[in-house]
PDB file of all heavy atoms in Angstrom:
ATOM      1  N   ARG A   1       0.849  -1.198   0.000  1.00  0.00           N
ATOM      2  CA  ARG A   1       0.000   0.000   0.000  1.00  0.00           C
ATOM      3  C   ARG A   1       0.880   1.242   0.000  1.00  0.00           C
ATOM      4  O   ARG A   1       1.802   1.366   0.814  1.00  0.00           O
ATOM      5  CB  ARG A   1      -0.916   0.028   1.231  1.00  0.00           C
ATOM      6  CG  ARG A   1      -1.931  -1.101   1.259  1.00  0.00           C
ATOM      7  CD  ARG A   1      -2.997  -0.861   2.332  1.00  0.00           C
ATOM      8  NE  ARG A   1      -2.460  -0.859   3.672  1.00  0.00           N
ATOM      9  CZ  ARG A   1      -2.367  -1.951   4.438  1.00  0.00           C
ATOM     10  NH1 ARG A   1      -2.766  -3.131   3.960  1.00  0.00           N
ATOM     11  NH2 ARG A   1      -1.885  -1.878   5.667  1.00  0.00           N
ATOM     12  N   PHE A   2       0.570   2.178  -0.908  1.00  0.00           N
ATOM     13  CA  PHE A   2       1.331   3.419  -1.035  1.00  0.00           C
ATOM     14  C   PHE A   2       0.361   4.589  -1.105  1.00  0.00           C
ATOM     15  O   PHE A   2      -0.538   4.620  -1.938  1.00  0.00           O
ATOM     16  CB  PHE A   2       2.209   3.382  -2.290  1.00  0.00           C
ATOM     17  CG  PHE A   2       3.209   2.264  -2.289  1.00  0.00           C
ATOM     18  CD1 PHE A   2       2.882   1.034  -2.847  1.00  0.00           C
ATOM     19  CD2 PHE A   2       4.457   2.413  -1.712  1.00  0.00           C
ATOM     20  CE1 PHE A   2       3.790  -0.016  -2.844  1.00  0.00           C
ATOM     21  CE2 PHE A   2       5.369   1.374  -1.698  1.00  0.00           C
ATOM     22  CZ  PHE A   2       5.034   0.158  -2.257  1.00  0.00           C
ATOM     23  N   THR A   3       0.549   5.544  -0.200  1.00  0.00           N
ATOM     24  CA  THR A   3      -0.320   6.718  -0.163  1.00  0.00           C
ATOM     25  C   THR A   3       0.400   7.820   0.599  1.00  0.00           C
ATOM     26  O   THR A   3       1.231   7.552   1.465  1.00  0.00           O
ATOM     27  CB  THR A   3      -1.662   6.389   0.525  1.00  0.00           C
ATOM     28  OG1 THR A   3      -2.465   7.573   0.576  1.00  0.00           O
ATOM     29  CG2 THR A   3      -1.468   5.859   1.928  1.00  0.00           C
ATOM     30  N   GLU A   4       0.096   9.077   0.266  1.00  0.00           N
ATOM     31  CA  GLU A   4       0.663  10.204   1.009  1.00  0.00           C
ATOM     32  C   GLU A   4      -0.112  10.476   2.294  1.00  0.00           C
ATOM     33  O   GLU A   4       0.392  11.115   3.207  1.00  0.00           O
ATOM     34  CB  GLU A   4       0.650  11.469   0.148  1.00  0.00           C
ATOM     35  CG  GLU A   4       1.704  11.508  -0.930  1.00  0.00           C
ATOM     36  CD  GLU A   4       1.721  12.846  -1.632  1.00  0.00           C
ATOM     37  OE1 GLU A   4       2.397  13.769  -1.131  1.00  0.00           O
ATOM     38  OE2 GLU A   4       1.035  12.971  -2.658  1.00  0.00           O
ATOM     39  N   GLY A   5      -1.367  10.020   2.370  1.00  0.00           N
ATOM     40  CA  GLY A   5      -2.158  10.227   3.573  1.00  0.00           C
ATOM     41  C   GLY A   5      -1.554   9.460   4.738  1.00  0.00           C
ATOM     42  O   GLY A   5      -1.279   8.262   4.618  1.00  0.00           O
ATOM     43  N   HIS A   6      -1.368  10.132   5.877  1.00  0.00           N
ATOM     44  CA  HIS A   6      -0.597   9.508   6.954  1.00  0.00           C
ATOM     45  C   HIS A   6      -0.960  10.110   8.304  1.00  0.00           C
ATOM     46  O   HIS A   6      -1.131  11.317   8.428  1.00  0.00           O
ATOM     47  CB  HIS A   6       0.903   9.720   6.694  1.00  0.00           C
ATOM     48  CG  HIS A   6       1.804   9.178   7.750  1.00  0.00           C
ATOM     49  ND1 HIS A   6       2.164   7.854   7.811  1.00  0.00           N
ATOM     50  CD2 HIS A   6       2.420   9.773   8.801  1.00  0.00           C
ATOM     51  CE1 HIS A   6       2.971   7.665   8.849  1.00  0.00           C
ATOM     52  NE2 HIS A   6       3.133   8.818   9.465  1.00  0.00           N
ATOM     53  N   PHE A   7      -1.104   9.244   9.304  1.00  0.00           N
ATOM     54  CA  PHE A   7      -1.228   9.667  10.695  1.00  0.00           C
ATOM     55  C   PHE A   7      -0.268   8.863  11.559  1.00  0.00           C
ATOM     56  O   PHE A   7      -0.156   7.645  11.389  1.00  0.00           O
ATOM     57  CB  PHE A   7      -2.646   9.420  11.235  1.00  0.00           C
ATOM     58  CG  PHE A   7      -3.655  10.459  10.863  1.00  0.00           C
ATOM     59  CD1 PHE A   7      -4.648  10.180   9.939  1.00  0.00           C
ATOM     60  CD2 PHE A   7      -3.639  11.716  11.454  1.00  0.00           C
ATOM     61  CE1 PHE A   7      -5.596  11.123   9.596  1.00  0.00           C
ATOM     62  CE2 PHE A   7      -4.590  12.668  11.136  1.00  0.00           C
ATOM     63  CZ  PHE A   7      -5.569  12.379  10.202  1.00  0.00           C
ATOM     64  N   ASP A   8       0.418   9.521  12.496  1.00  0.00           N
ATOM     65  CA  ASP A   8       1.098   8.857  13.607  1.00  0.00           C
ATOM     66  C   ASP A   8       0.318   9.199  14.862  1.00  0.00           C
ATOM     67  O   ASP A   8       0.070  10.376  15.152  1.00  0.00           O
ATOM     68  CB  ASP A   8       2.543   9.347  13.753  1.00  0.00           C
ATOM     69  CG  ASP A   8       3.518   8.535  12.918  1.00  0.00           C
ATOM     70  OD1 ASP A   8       3.302   7.319  12.781  1.00  0.00           O
ATOM     71  OD2 ASP A   8       4.490   9.112  12.413  1.00  0.00           O
ATOM     72  N   LEU A   9      -0.058   8.162  15.645  1.00  0.00           N
ATOM     73  CA  LEU A   9      -1.038   8.340  16.714  1.00  0.00           C
ATOM     74  C   LEU A   9      -0.571   7.664  18.004  1.00  0.00           C
ATOM     75  O   LEU A   9      -0.912   6.516  18.278  1.00  0.00           O
ATOM     76  CB  LEU A   9      -2.391   7.765  16.255  1.00  0.00           C
ATOM     77  CG  LEU A   9      -2.917   8.385  14.949  1.00  0.00           C
ATOM     78  CD1 LEU A   9      -3.939   7.477  14.294  1.00  0.00           C
ATOM     79  CD2 LEU A   9      -3.495   9.768  15.205  1.00  0.00           C
ATOM     80  N   PRO A  10       0.240   8.352  18.810  1.00  0.00           N
ATOM     81  CA  PRO A  10       0.689   7.769  20.081  1.00  0.00           C
ATOM     82  C   PRO A  10      -0.371   7.893  21.163  1.00  0.00           C
ATOM     83  O   PRO A  10      -1.017   8.942  21.317  1.00  0.00           O
ATOM     84  CB  PRO A  10       1.934   8.585  20.421  1.00  0.00           C
ATOM     85  CG  PRO A  10       1.746   9.893  19.735  1.00  0.00           C
ATOM     86  CD  PRO A  10       0.883   9.639  18.535  1.00  0.00           C
ATOM     87  N   MET A  11      -0.531   6.818  21.941  1.00  0.00           N
ATOM     88  CA  MET A  11      -1.569   6.744  22.965  1.00  0.00           C
ATOM     89  C   MET A  11      -0.967   6.435  24.322  1.00  0.00           C
ATOM     90  O   MET A  11       0.022   5.712  24.432  1.00  0.00           O
ATOM     91  CB  MET A  11      -2.585   5.661  22.583  1.00  0.00           C
ATOM     92  CG  MET A  11      -3.349   5.956  21.298  1.00  0.00           C
ATOM     93  SD  MET A  11      -4.336   4.552  20.714  1.00  0.00           S
ATOM     94  CE  MET A  11      -5.410   4.260  22.115  1.00  0.00           C
ATOM     95  N   ARG A  12      -1.604   6.953  25.360  1.00  0.00           N
ATOM     96  CA  ARG A  12      -1.195   6.694  26.739  1.00  0.00           C
ATOM     97  C   ARG A  12      -2.010   5.547  27.324  1.00  0.00           C
ATOM     98  O   ARG A  12      -3.049   5.154  26.811  1.00  0.00           O
ATOM     99  CB  ARG A  12      -1.426   7.939  27.591  1.00  0.00           C
ATOM    100  CG  ARG A  12      -0.644   9.159  27.150  1.00  0.00           C
ATOM    101  CD  ARG A  12      -0.818  10.287  28.146  1.00  0.00           C
ATOM    102  NE  ARG A  12      -2.223  10.684  28.292  1.00  0.00           N
ATOM    103  CZ  ARG A  12      -2.722  11.312  29.353  1.00  0.00           C
ATOM    104  NH1 ARG A  12      -1.940  11.604  30.374  1.00  0.00           N
ATOM    105  NH2 ARG A  12      -4.003  11.647  29.385  1.00  0.00           N
ATOM    106  N   ASN A  13      -1.503   5.006  28.442  1.00  0.00           N
ATOM    107  CA  ASN A  13      -2.275   4.117  29.325  1.00  0.00           C
ATOM    108  C   ASN A  13      -2.749   2.827  28.667  1.00  0.00           C
ATOM    109  O   ASN A  13      -3.734   2.232  29.102  1.00  0.00           O
ATOM    110  CB  ASN A  13      -3.496   4.864  29.893  1.00  0.00           C
ATOM    111  CG  ASN A  13      -3.107   6.158  30.590  1.00  0.00           C
ATOM    112  OD1 ASN A  13      -2.090   6.205  31.280  1.00  0.00           O
ATOM    113  ND2 ASN A  13      -3.883   7.209  30.401  1.00  0.00           N
ATOM    114  N   CYS A  14      -2.029   2.384  27.636  1.00  0.00           N
ATOM    115  CA  CYS A  14      -2.390   1.124  26.971  1.00  0.00           C
ATOM    116  C   CYS A  14      -1.547  -0.022  27.529  1.00  0.00           C
ATOM    117  O   CYS A  14      -0.425   0.173  28.005  1.00  0.00           O
ATOM    118  CB  CYS A  14      -2.179   1.217  25.464  1.00  0.00           C
ATOM    119  SG  CYS A  14      -3.335   2.310  24.624  1.00  0.00           S
ATOM    120  N   THR A  15      -2.101  -1.228  27.436  1.00  0.00           N
ATOM    121  CA  THR A  15      -1.375  -2.454  27.783  1.00  0.00           C
ATOM    122  C   THR A  15      -1.108  -3.226  26.494  1.00  0.00           C
ATOM    123  O   THR A  15      -2.023  -3.455  25.699  1.00  0.00           O
ATOM    124  CB  THR A  15      -2.176  -3.309  28.772  1.00  0.00           C
ATOM    125  OG1 THR A  15      -2.287  -2.589  30.009  1.00  0.00           O
ATOM    126  CG2 THR A  15      -1.487  -4.642  29.035  1.00  0.00           C
ATOM    127  N   ILE A  16       0.167  -3.581  26.291  1.00  0.00           N
ATOM    128  CA  ILE A  16       0.583  -4.298  25.088  1.00  0.00           C
ATOM    129  C   ILE A  16       1.128  -5.656  25.502  1.00  0.00           C
ATOM    130  O   ILE A  16       2.052  -5.741  26.328  1.00  0.00           O
ATOM    131  CB  ILE A  16       1.660  -3.512  24.325  1.00  0.00           C
ATOM    132  CG1 ILE A  16       1.177  -2.097  23.991  1.00  0.00           C
ATOM    133  CG2 ILE A  16       2.074  -4.266  23.059  1.00  0.00           C
ATOM    134  CD1 ILE A  16       2.261  -1.201  23.414  1.00  0.00           C
ATOM    135  N   ALA A  17       0.558  -6.712  24.939  1.00  0.00           N
ATOM    136  CA  ALA A  17       1.024  -8.074  25.216  1.00  0.00           C
ATOM    137  C   ALA A  17       1.486  -8.732  23.924  1.00  0.00           C
ATOM    138  O   ALA A  17       0.840  -8.595  22.878  1.00  0.00           O
ATOM    139  CB  ALA A  17      -0.090  -8.891  25.852  1.00  0.00           C
ATOM    140  N   LEU A  18       2.598  -9.433  23.997  1.00  0.00           N
ATOM    141  CA  LEU A  18       3.122 -10.219  22.879  1.00  0.00           C
ATOM    142  C   LEU A  18       2.999 -11.687  23.238  1.00  0.00           C
ATOM    143  O   LEU A  18       3.637 -12.151  24.193  1.00  0.00           O
ATOM    144  CB  LEU A  18       4.579  -9.858  22.603  1.00  0.00           C
ATOM    145  CG  LEU A  18       4.876  -8.397  22.248  1.00  0.00           C
ATOM    146  CD1 LEU A  18       6.373  -8.196  22.041  1.00  0.00           C
ATOM    147  CD2 LEU A  18       4.104  -7.963  21.013  1.00  0.00           C
ATOM    148  N   ASP A  19       2.155 -12.402  22.506  1.00  0.00           N
ATOM    149  CA  ASP A  19       1.884 -13.817  22.804  1.00  0.00           C
ATOM    150  C   ASP A  19       1.545 -14.008  24.283  1.00  0.00           C
ATOM    151  O   ASP A  19       1.994 -14.969  24.930  1.00  0.00           O
ATOM    152  CB  ASP A  19       3.072 -14.689  22.411  1.00  0.00           C
ATOM    153  CG  ASP A  19       3.293 -14.725  20.905  1.00  0.00           C
ATOM    154  OD1 ASP A  19       2.354 -14.404  20.154  1.00  0.00           O
ATOM    155  OD2 ASP A  19       4.409 -15.064  20.482  1.00  0.00           O
ATOM    156  N   GLY A  20       0.784 -13.076  24.831  1.00  0.00           N
ATOM    157  CA  GLY A  20       0.328 -13.163  26.216  1.00  0.00           C
ATOM    158  C   GLY A  20       1.249 -12.558  27.247  1.00  0.00           C
ATOM    159  O   GLY A  20       0.851 -12.371  28.399  1.00  0.00           O
ATOM    160  N   LYS A  21       2.492 -12.225  26.859  1.00  0.00           N
ATOM    161  CA  LYS A  21       3.431 -11.616  27.793  1.00  0.00           C
ATOM    162  C   LYS A  21       3.320 -10.101  27.710  1.00  0.00           C
ATOM    163  O   LYS A  21       3.502  -9.513  26.643  1.00  0.00           O
ATOM    164  CB  LYS A  21       4.864 -12.050  27.484  1.00  0.00           C
ATOM    165  CG  LYS A  21       5.888 -11.424  28.425  1.00  0.00           C
ATOM    166  CD  LYS A  21       7.315 -11.841  28.070  1.00  0.00           C
ATOM    167  CE  LYS A  21       8.325 -11.173  29.004  1.00  0.00           C
ATOM    168  NZ  LYS A  21       9.718 -11.576  28.681  1.00  0.00           N
ATOM    169  N   ILE A  22       3.054  -9.467  28.841  1.00  0.00           N
ATOM    170  CA  ILE A  22       2.868  -8.020  28.870  1.00  0.00           C
ATOM    171  C   ILE A  22       4.230  -7.320  28.820  1.00  0.00           C
ATOM    172  O   ILE A  22       5.103  -7.568  29.657  1.00  0.00           O
ATOM    173  CB  ILE A  22       2.092  -7.592  30.123  1.00  0.00           C
ATOM    174  CG1 ILE A  22       0.659  -8.132  30.063  1.00  0.00           C
ATOM    175  CG2 ILE A  22       2.076  -6.072  30.259  1.00  0.00           C
ATOM    176  CD1 ILE A  22      -0.160  -7.863  31.306  1.00  0.00           C
ATOM    177  N   VAL A  23       4.394  -6.457  27.821  1.00  0.00           N
ATOM    178  CA  VAL A  23       5.634  -5.692  27.681  1.00  0.00           C
ATOM    179  C   VAL A  23       5.418  -4.218  28.056  1.00  0.00           C
ATOM    180  O   VAL A  23       6.376  -3.520  28.414  1.00  0.00           O
ATOM    181  CB  VAL A  23       6.210  -5.807  26.259  1.00  0.00           C
ATOM    182  CG1 VAL A  23       6.634  -7.244  25.977  1.00  0.00           C
ATOM    183  CG2 VAL A  23       5.220  -5.330  25.207  1.00  0.00           C
ATOM    184  N   VAL A  24       4.197  -3.746  27.935  1.00  0.00           N
ATOM    185  CA  VAL A  24       3.815  -2.411  28.397  1.00  0.00           C
ATOM    186  C   VAL A  24       2.512  -2.562  29.171  1.00  0.00           C
ATOM    187  O   VAL A  24       1.546  -3.116  28.652  1.00  0.00           O
ATOM    188  CB  VAL A  24       3.617  -1.430  27.224  1.00  0.00           C
ATOM    189  CG1 VAL A  24       3.145  -0.056  27.744  1.00  0.00           C
ATOM    190  CG2 VAL A  24       4.895  -1.272  26.405  1.00  0.00           C
ATOM    191  N   LYS A  25       2.494  -2.104  30.419  1.00  0.00           N
ATOM    192  CA  LYS A  25       1.293  -2.218  31.248  1.00  0.00           C
ATOM    193  C   LYS A  25       0.772  -0.832  31.594  1.00  0.00           C
ATOM    194  O   LYS A  25       1.456  -0.053  32.276  1.00  0.00           O
ATOM    195  CB  LYS A  25       1.596  -2.994  32.531  1.00  0.00           C
ATOM    196  CG  LYS A  25       0.357  -3.220  33.402  1.00  0.00           C
ATOM    197  CD  LYS A  25       0.687  -4.074  34.623  1.00  0.00           C
ATOM    198  CE  LYS A  25      -0.563  -4.329  35.473  1.00  0.00           C
ATOM    199  NZ  LYS A  25      -0.221  -5.161  36.655  1.00  0.00           N
ATOM    200  N   GLU A  26      -0.403  -0.531  31.090  1.00  0.00           N
ATOM    201  CA  GLU A  26      -1.058   0.761  31.353  1.00  0.00           C
ATOM    202  C   GLU A  26      -0.098   1.921  31.125  1.00  0.00           C
ATOM    203  O   GLU A  26      -0.005   2.859  31.916  1.00  0.00           O
ATOM    204  CB  GLU A  26      -1.640   0.783  32.766  1.00  0.00           C
ATOM    205  CG  GLU A  26      -2.731  -0.272  32.961  1.00  0.00           C
ATOM    206  CD  GLU A  26      -3.260  -0.318  34.387  1.00  0.00           C
ATOM    207  OE1 GLU A  26      -2.746   0.437  35.239  1.00  0.00           O
ATOM    208  OE2 GLU A  26      -4.176  -1.104  34.643  1.00  0.00           O
ATOM    209  N   GLY A  27       0.650   1.824  30.024  1.00  0.00           N
ATOM    210  CA  GLY A  27       1.543   2.906  29.633  1.00  0.00           C
ATOM    211  C   GLY A  27       2.913   2.887  30.251  1.00  0.00           C
ATOM    212  O   GLY A  27       3.671   3.852  30.091  1.00  0.00           O
TER     213      GLY A  27
END
């Protein structure tokens, strides 16, 4: 996919898990 339309969207207070392992907890 190629387009000039673009957003970068950083968010706070999120939890990120990789295969069930939490690497970021509530930010």
